[in-house]
Amino acid sequence: MCKESVYHKITQGKDAPKRMVGLDRREEVTINRLKTGHHPIIKDREDGNRTRDCTRCDKRAKKTLEHLLLECPATAKEREDHFQEKTLEYALLTEPKSTVRFLESTGELEHKKEEIASK
């Protein structure tokens, strides 16, 4: 596993539970891909530019998983609706279902589903 992945940062190499209770297969795949940095939301673009600018806010921030889930002012209302704590550990390990619902409410997952289906 890549030591730079979000998963490694939040677990610091400790073993996490193998199955995520309460998630269907699609949701579990989404969370696992986010943890490892292989989800289309954050995956490398064809030009090799790993992070691109956030198109939601005007902070000129890079669109990283941390920015989208924890910092972007444009998703503040959705974040408040779905997260009790604002940490990556909470979002990806403690309440992964809330993270999936958050991404659906912001349109991130729906957009990527359509993009993948059109390929």
N, C-alpha and C. Protein backbone atom coordinates (compact mmCIF):
# COMPACT_ATOMS: atom_id res chain seq x y z
N MET A 1 0.84 -1.18 0.00
CA MET A 1 0.00 0.00 0.00
C MET A 1 0.89 1.25 0.00
N CYS A 2 0.49 2.22 -0.73
CA CYS A 2 1.25 3.46 -0.84
C CYS A 2 1.20 4.22 0.49
N LYS A 3 2.35 4.59 1.01
CA LYS A 3 2.40 5.28 2.30
C LYS A 3 1.83 6.69 2.22
N GLU A 4 1.56 7.19 1.02
CA GLU A 4 1.01 8.54 0.87
C GLU A 4 -0.51 8.53 0.76
N SER A 5 -1.13 7.36 0.77
CA SER A 5 -2.58 7.31 0.61
C SER A 5 -3.27 7.88 1.84
N VAL A 6 -4.48 8.34 1.64
CA VAL A 6 -5.29 8.88 2.75
C VAL A 6 -5.46 7.79 3.79
N TYR A 7 -5.69 6.56 3.35
CA TYR A 7 -5.89 5.45 4.26
C TYR A 7 -4.69 5.30 5.19
N HIS A 8 -3.51 5.36 4.64
CA HIS A 8 -2.32 5.22 5.47
C HIS A 8 -2.18 6.38 6.45
N LYS A 9 -2.52 7.58 6.01
CA LYS A 9 -2.43 8.74 6.88
C LYS A 9 -3.35 8.61 8.10
N ILE A 10 -4.57 8.14 7.88
CA ILE A 10 -5.53 8.11 8.99
C ILE A 10 -5.40 6.87 9.86
N THR A 11 -4.89 5.77 9.32
CA THR A 11 -4.73 4.57 10.13
C THR A 11 -3.30 4.42 10.62
N GLN A 12 -2.39 5.17 10.04
CA GLN A 12 -0.96 5.12 10.35
C GLN A 12 -0.46 3.68 10.31
N GLY A 13 -0.93 2.95 9.31
CA GLY A 13 -0.47 1.60 9.08
C GLY A 13 -1.15 0.54 9.92
N LYS A 14 -2.04 0.92 10.86
CA LYS A 14 -2.74 -0.06 11.69
C LYS A 14 -3.80 -0.75 10.85
N ASP A 15 -4.09 -1.98 11.21
CA ASP A 15 -5.14 -2.71 10.51
C ASP A 15 -6.50 -2.13 10.86
N ALA A 16 -7.32 -1.95 9.85
CA ALA A 16 -8.69 -1.48 10.03
C ALA A 16 -9.63 -2.66 9.78
N PRO A 17 -10.88 -2.55 10.20
CA PRO A 17 -11.82 -3.64 9.94
C PRO A 17 -11.89 -3.96 8.45
N LYS A 18 -12.01 -5.25 8.14
CA LYS A 18 -12.01 -5.67 6.74
C LYS A 18 -13.31 -5.32 6.02
N ARG A 19 -14.44 -5.46 6.72
CA ARG A 19 -15.73 -5.15 6.11
C ARG A 19 -16.33 -3.93 6.79
N MET A 20 -17.03 -3.12 6.02
CA MET A 20 -17.67 -1.94 6.56
C MET A 20 -19.15 -2.25 6.76
N VAL A 21 -19.57 -2.30 7.99
CA VAL A 21 -20.93 -2.65 8.34
C VAL A 21 -21.90 -1.58 7.85
N GLY A 22 -22.99 -2.02 7.26
CA GLY A 22 -24.05 -1.11 6.85
C GLY A 22 -23.89 -0.51 5.45
N LEU A 23 -22.85 -0.91 4.72
CA LEU A 23 -22.65 -0.40 3.37
C LEU A 23 -22.95 -1.49 2.35
N ASP A 24 -23.58 -1.09 1.26
CA ASP A 24 -23.73 -2.07 0.18
C ASP A 24 -22.41 -2.11 -0.60
N ARG A 25 -22.32 -2.99 -1.55
CA ARG A 25 -21.06 -3.20 -2.27
C ARG A 25 -20.58 -1.93 -2.97
N ARG A 26 -21.48 -1.21 -3.65
CA ARG A 26 -21.11 0.02 -4.35
C ARG A 26 -20.54 1.06 -3.38
N GLU A 27 -21.19 1.21 -2.23
CA GLU A 27 -20.73 2.18 -1.25
C GLU A 27 -19.37 1.78 -0.67
N GLU A 28 -19.20 0.49 -0.43
CA GLU A 28 -17.93 0.00 0.11
C GLU A 28 -16.79 0.23 -0.89
N VAL A 29 -17.05 -0.02 -2.16
CA VAL A 29 -16.04 0.23 -3.20
C VAL A 29 -15.70 1.72 -3.26
N THR A 30 -16.71 2.57 -3.18
CA THR A 30 -16.48 4.02 -3.20
C THR A 30 -15.55 4.43 -2.06
N ILE A 31 -15.84 3.99 -0.84
CA ILE A 31 -15.02 4.36 0.31
C ILE A 31 -13.61 3.81 0.17
N ASN A 32 -13.48 2.56 -0.25
CA ASN A 32 -12.14 1.98 -0.41
C ASN A 32 -11.34 2.71 -1.48
N ARG A 33 -11.98 3.11 -2.54
CA ARG A 33 -11.26 3.87 -3.58
C ARG A 33 -10.86 5.25 -3.10
N LEU A 34 -11.70 5.87 -2.29
CA LEU A 34 -11.33 7.17 -1.71
C LEU A 34 -10.13 7.01 -0.78
N LYS A 35 -10.14 5.97 0.03
CA LYS A 35 -9.04 5.73 0.97
C LYS A 35 -7.70 5.56 0.25
N THR A 36 -7.74 4.86 -0.87
CA THR A 36 -6.49 4.54 -1.57
C THR A 36 -6.13 5.55 -2.65
N GLY A 37 -6.99 6.55 -2.87
CA GLY A 37 -6.70 7.57 -3.86
C GLY A 37 -7.00 7.16 -5.28
N HIS A 38 -7.85 6.15 -5.46
CA HIS A 38 -8.16 5.65 -6.80
C HIS A 38 -9.60 5.91 -7.24
N HIS A 39 -10.27 6.83 -6.60
CA HIS A 39 -11.63 7.18 -7.01
C HIS A 39 -11.55 8.28 -8.06
N PRO A 40 -12.44 8.25 -9.05
CA PRO A 40 -12.41 9.30 -10.10
C PRO A 40 -12.51 10.72 -9.56
N ILE A 41 -13.07 10.92 -8.38
CA ILE A 41 -13.16 12.26 -7.80
C ILE A 41 -11.76 12.83 -7.59
N ILE A 42 -10.81 11.99 -7.20
CA ILE A 42 -9.48 12.47 -6.84
C ILE A 42 -8.36 11.81 -7.63
N LYS A 43 -8.71 10.91 -8.53
CA LYS A 43 -7.70 10.16 -9.27
C LYS A 43 -6.91 11.05 -10.22
N ASP A 44 -5.72 10.62 -10.53
CA ASP A 44 -4.88 11.36 -11.48
C ASP A 44 -5.62 11.60 -12.79
N ARG A 45 -5.44 12.76 -13.34
CA ARG A 45 -6.00 13.06 -14.65
C ARG A 45 -5.04 12.56 -15.71
N GLU A 46 -5.51 12.50 -16.93
CA GLU A 46 -4.67 12.02 -18.03
C GLU A 46 -3.39 12.82 -18.18
N ASP A 47 -3.42 14.10 -17.86
CA ASP A 47 -2.23 14.93 -18.02
C ASP A 47 -1.23 14.77 -16.87
N GLY A 48 -1.55 13.87 -15.92
CA GLY A 48 -0.63 13.61 -14.82
C GLY A 48 -0.75 14.57 -13.66
N ASN A 49 -1.64 15.54 -13.76
CA ASN A 49 -1.83 16.52 -12.69
C ASN A 49 -2.72 15.90 -11.62
N ARG A 50 -2.14 15.49 -10.51
CA ARG A 50 -2.89 14.78 -9.47
C ARG A 50 -3.98 15.64 -8.84
N THR A 51 -3.68 16.86 -8.55
CA THR A 51 -4.70 17.73 -7.96
C THR A 51 -5.04 18.84 -8.95
N ARG A 52 -6.29 19.12 -9.04
CA ARG A 52 -6.76 20.20 -9.90
C ARG A 52 -7.47 21.22 -9.01
N ASP A 53 -7.71 22.37 -9.54
CA ASP A 53 -8.36 23.41 -8.75
C ASP A 53 -9.82 23.05 -8.48
N CYS A 54 -10.26 23.41 -7.30
CA CYS A 54 -11.66 23.19 -6.93
C CYS A 54 -12.52 24.14 -7.76
N THR A 55 -13.55 23.59 -8.39
CA THR A 55 -14.45 24.41 -9.20
C THR A 55 -15.66 24.88 -8.40
N ARG A 56 -15.77 24.45 -7.15
CA ARG A 56 -16.91 24.81 -6.33
C ARG A 56 -16.71 26.12 -5.57
N CYS A 57 -15.50 26.39 -5.15
CA CYS A 57 -15.27 27.57 -4.32
C CYS A 57 -14.28 28.51 -5.00
N ASP A 58 -14.16 29.68 -4.45
CA ASP A 58 -13.24 30.65 -5.03
C ASP A 58 -12.01 30.86 -4.14
N LYS A 59 -11.66 29.83 -3.37
CA LYS A 59 -10.48 29.91 -2.51
C LYS A 59 -9.19 29.62 -3.26
N ARG A 60 -9.31 29.27 -4.52
CA ARG A 60 -8.15 28.84 -5.33
C ARG A 60 -7.44 27.66 -4.68
N ALA A 61 -8.24 26.80 -4.11
CA ALA A 61 -7.71 25.63 -3.43
C ALA A 61 -7.60 24.47 -4.42
N LYS A 62 -6.70 23.57 -4.14
CA LYS A 62 -6.59 22.35 -4.92
C LYS A 62 -7.71 21.41 -4.49
N LYS A 63 -8.26 20.69 -5.47
CA LYS A 63 -9.35 19.77 -5.16
C LYS A 63 -8.75 18.45 -4.68
N THR A 64 -8.58 18.37 -3.40
CA THR A 64 -8.12 17.14 -2.77
C THR A 64 -9.28 16.55 -1.99
N LEU A 65 -9.12 15.32 -1.54
CA LEU A 65 -10.16 14.71 -0.73
C LEU A 65 -10.38 15.51 0.56
N GLU A 66 -9.29 15.94 1.17
CA GLU A 66 -9.39 16.73 2.39
C GLU A 66 -10.16 18.03 2.14
N HIS A 67 -9.87 18.69 1.02
CA HIS A 67 -10.57 19.94 0.72
C HIS A 67 -12.06 19.68 0.51
N LEU A 68 -12.39 18.70 -0.31
CA LEU A 68 -13.79 18.42 -0.61
C LEU A 68 -14.57 18.02 0.63
N LEU A 69 -14.02 17.10 1.43
CA LEU A 69 -14.75 16.59 2.59
C LEU A 69 -14.72 17.52 3.80
N LEU A 70 -13.64 18.27 3.98
CA LEU A 70 -13.46 18.98 5.25
C LEU A 70 -13.38 20.50 5.16
N GLU A 71 -13.00 21.05 4.00
CA GLU A 71 -12.67 22.47 3.96
C GLU A 71 -13.49 23.34 3.01
N CYS A 72 -13.95 22.81 1.92
CA CYS A 72 -14.57 23.62 0.87
C CYS A 72 -15.78 24.38 1.41
N PRO A 73 -15.76 25.72 1.33
CA PRO A 73 -16.89 26.50 1.83
C PRO A 73 -18.17 26.26 1.03
N ALA A 74 -18.03 25.83 -0.21
CA ALA A 74 -19.21 25.60 -1.04
C ALA A 74 -20.00 24.35 -0.61
N THR A 75 -19.36 23.46 0.14
CA THR A 75 -20.06 22.25 0.60
C THR A 75 -20.30 22.28 2.12
N ALA A 76 -20.22 23.45 2.72
CA ALA A 76 -20.36 23.58 4.17
C ALA A 76 -21.71 23.10 4.68
N LYS A 77 -22.80 23.44 3.99
CA LYS A 77 -24.11 23.02 4.46
C LYS A 77 -24.25 21.50 4.43
N GLU A 78 -23.84 20.89 3.32
CA GLU A 78 -23.90 19.44 3.21
C GLU A 78 -23.01 18.77 4.26
N ARG A 79 -21.84 19.36 4.49
CA ARG A 79 -20.91 18.82 5.49
C ARG A 79 -21.57 18.85 6.87
N GLU A 80 -22.23 19.94 7.20
CA GLU A 80 -22.90 20.05 8.49
C GLU A 80 -24.04 19.05 8.61
N ASP A 81 -24.75 18.81 7.51
CA ASP A 81 -25.86 17.85 7.51
C ASP A 81 -25.40 16.41 7.71
N HIS A 82 -24.19 16.08 7.25
CA HIS A 82 -23.77 14.68 7.22
C HIS A 82 -22.67 14.29 8.21
N PHE A 83 -21.88 15.24 8.66
CA PHE A 83 -20.75 14.90 9.52
C PHE A 83 -20.89 15.49 10.92
N GLN A 84 -20.68 14.66 11.93
CA GLN A 84 -20.66 15.15 13.30
C GLN A 84 -19.27 15.67 13.64
N GLU A 85 -18.26 15.02 13.09
CA GLU A 85 -16.87 15.45 13.28
C GLU A 85 -16.29 15.76 11.92
N LYS A 86 -15.34 16.65 11.90
CA LYS A 86 -14.74 17.03 10.63
C LYS A 86 -13.30 16.57 10.58
N THR A 87 -13.15 15.23 10.46
CA THR A 87 -11.83 14.62 10.31
C THR A 87 -11.93 13.55 9.24
N LEU A 88 -10.81 13.24 8.60
CA LEU A 88 -10.80 12.17 7.61
C LEU A 88 -11.08 10.82 8.26
N GLU A 89 -10.59 10.63 9.46
CA GLU A 89 -10.84 9.37 10.15
C GLU A 89 -12.34 9.16 10.33
N TYR A 90 -13.03 10.20 10.77
CA TYR A 90 -14.48 10.10 10.94
C TYR A 90 -15.16 9.81 9.59
N ALA A 91 -14.78 10.55 8.58
CA ALA A 91 -15.43 10.44 7.27
C ALA A 91 -15.21 9.08 6.62
N LEU A 92 -14.02 8.53 6.73
CA LEU A 92 -13.70 7.30 6.00
C LEU A 92 -13.75 6.03 6.84
N LEU A 93 -13.58 6.14 8.14
CA LEU A 93 -13.56 4.94 8.97
C LEU A 93 -14.76 4.84 9.90
N THR A 94 -15.10 5.93 10.59
CA THR A 94 -16.17 5.88 11.59
C THR A 94 -17.54 5.92 10.94
N GLU A 95 -17.76 6.82 10.01
CA GLU A 95 -19.07 6.99 9.38
C GLU A 95 -18.96 7.03 7.86
N PRO A 96 -18.52 5.95 7.25
CA PRO A 96 -18.38 5.96 5.79
C PRO A 96 -19.71 6.15 5.05
N LYS A 97 -20.79 5.67 5.65
CA LYS A 97 -22.11 5.85 5.01
C LYS A 97 -22.45 7.34 4.90
N SER A 98 -22.11 8.10 5.93
CA SER A 98 -22.34 9.55 5.89
C SER A 98 -21.52 10.20 4.78
N THR A 99 -20.33 9.68 4.54
CA THR A 99 -19.47 10.22 3.48
C THR A 99 -20.09 9.97 2.12
N VAL A 100 -20.62 8.77 1.92
CA VAL A 100 -21.29 8.45 0.65
C VAL A 100 -22.49 9.38 0.46
N ARG A 101 -23.28 9.55 1.51
CA ARG A 101 -24.46 10.44 1.41
C ARG A 101 -24.04 11.89 1.14
N PHE A 102 -22.96 12.32 1.78
CA PHE A 102 -22.43 13.66 1.55
C PHE A 102 -22.04 13.83 0.08
N LEU A 103 -21.29 12.88 -0.46
CA LEU A 103 -20.86 12.98 -1.86
C LEU A 103 -22.04 12.94 -2.82
N GLU A 104 -23.06 12.16 -2.50
CA GLU A 104 -24.27 12.14 -3.33
C GLU A 104 -24.98 13.49 -3.27
N SER A 105 -25.06 14.07 -2.07
CA SER A 105 -25.77 15.35 -1.92
C SER A 105 -25.04 16.51 -2.61
N THR A 106 -23.72 16.40 -2.75
CA THR A 106 -22.97 17.45 -3.43
C THR A 106 -22.93 17.22 -4.94
N GLY A 107 -23.41 16.06 -5.38
CA GLY A 107 -23.40 15.75 -6.81
C GLY A 107 -22.11 15.12 -7.30
N GLU A 108 -21.14 14.93 -6.44
CA GLU A 108 -19.87 14.36 -6.86
C GLU A 108 -20.00 12.93 -7.35
N LEU A 109 -20.74 12.09 -6.66
CA LEU A 109 -20.88 10.70 -7.08
C LEU A 109 -21.74 10.57 -8.32
N GLU A 110 -22.82 11.31 -8.39
CA GLU A 110 -23.70 11.22 -9.55
C GLU A 110 -22.97 11.64 -10.81
N HIS A 111 -22.22 12.73 -10.72
CA HIS A 111 -21.46 13.24 -11.86
C HIS A 111 -20.48 12.18 -12.37
N LYS A 112 -19.78 11.52 -11.46
CA LYS A 112 -18.78 10.55 -11.85
C LYS A 112 -19.43 9.30 -12.43
N LYS A 113 -20.61 8.89 -11.92
CA LYS A 113 -21.31 7.74 -12.48
C LYS A 113 -21.65 7.98 -13.94
N GLU A 114 -22.17 9.19 -14.24
CA GLU A 114 -22.52 9.52 -15.61
C GLU A 114 -21.29 9.56 -16.50
N GLU A 115 -20.20 10.09 -15.98
CA GLU A 115 -18.96 10.21 -16.74
C GLU A 115 -18.40 8.83 -17.07
N ILE A 116 -18.44 7.91 -16.11
CA ILE A 116 -17.94 6.55 -16.32
C ILE A 116 -18.85 5.81 -17.30
N ALA A 117 -20.17 5.98 -17.17
CA ALA A 117 -21.13 5.30 -18.05
C ALA A 117 -20.97 5.74 -19.50
N SER A 118 -20.55 6.97 -19.73
CA SER A 118 -20.44 7.46 -21.10
C SER A 118 -19.18 6.97 -21.80
N LYS A 119 -18.26 6.37 -21.07
CA LYS A 119 -17.01 5.88 -21.67
C LYS A 119 -17.19 4.55 -22.35
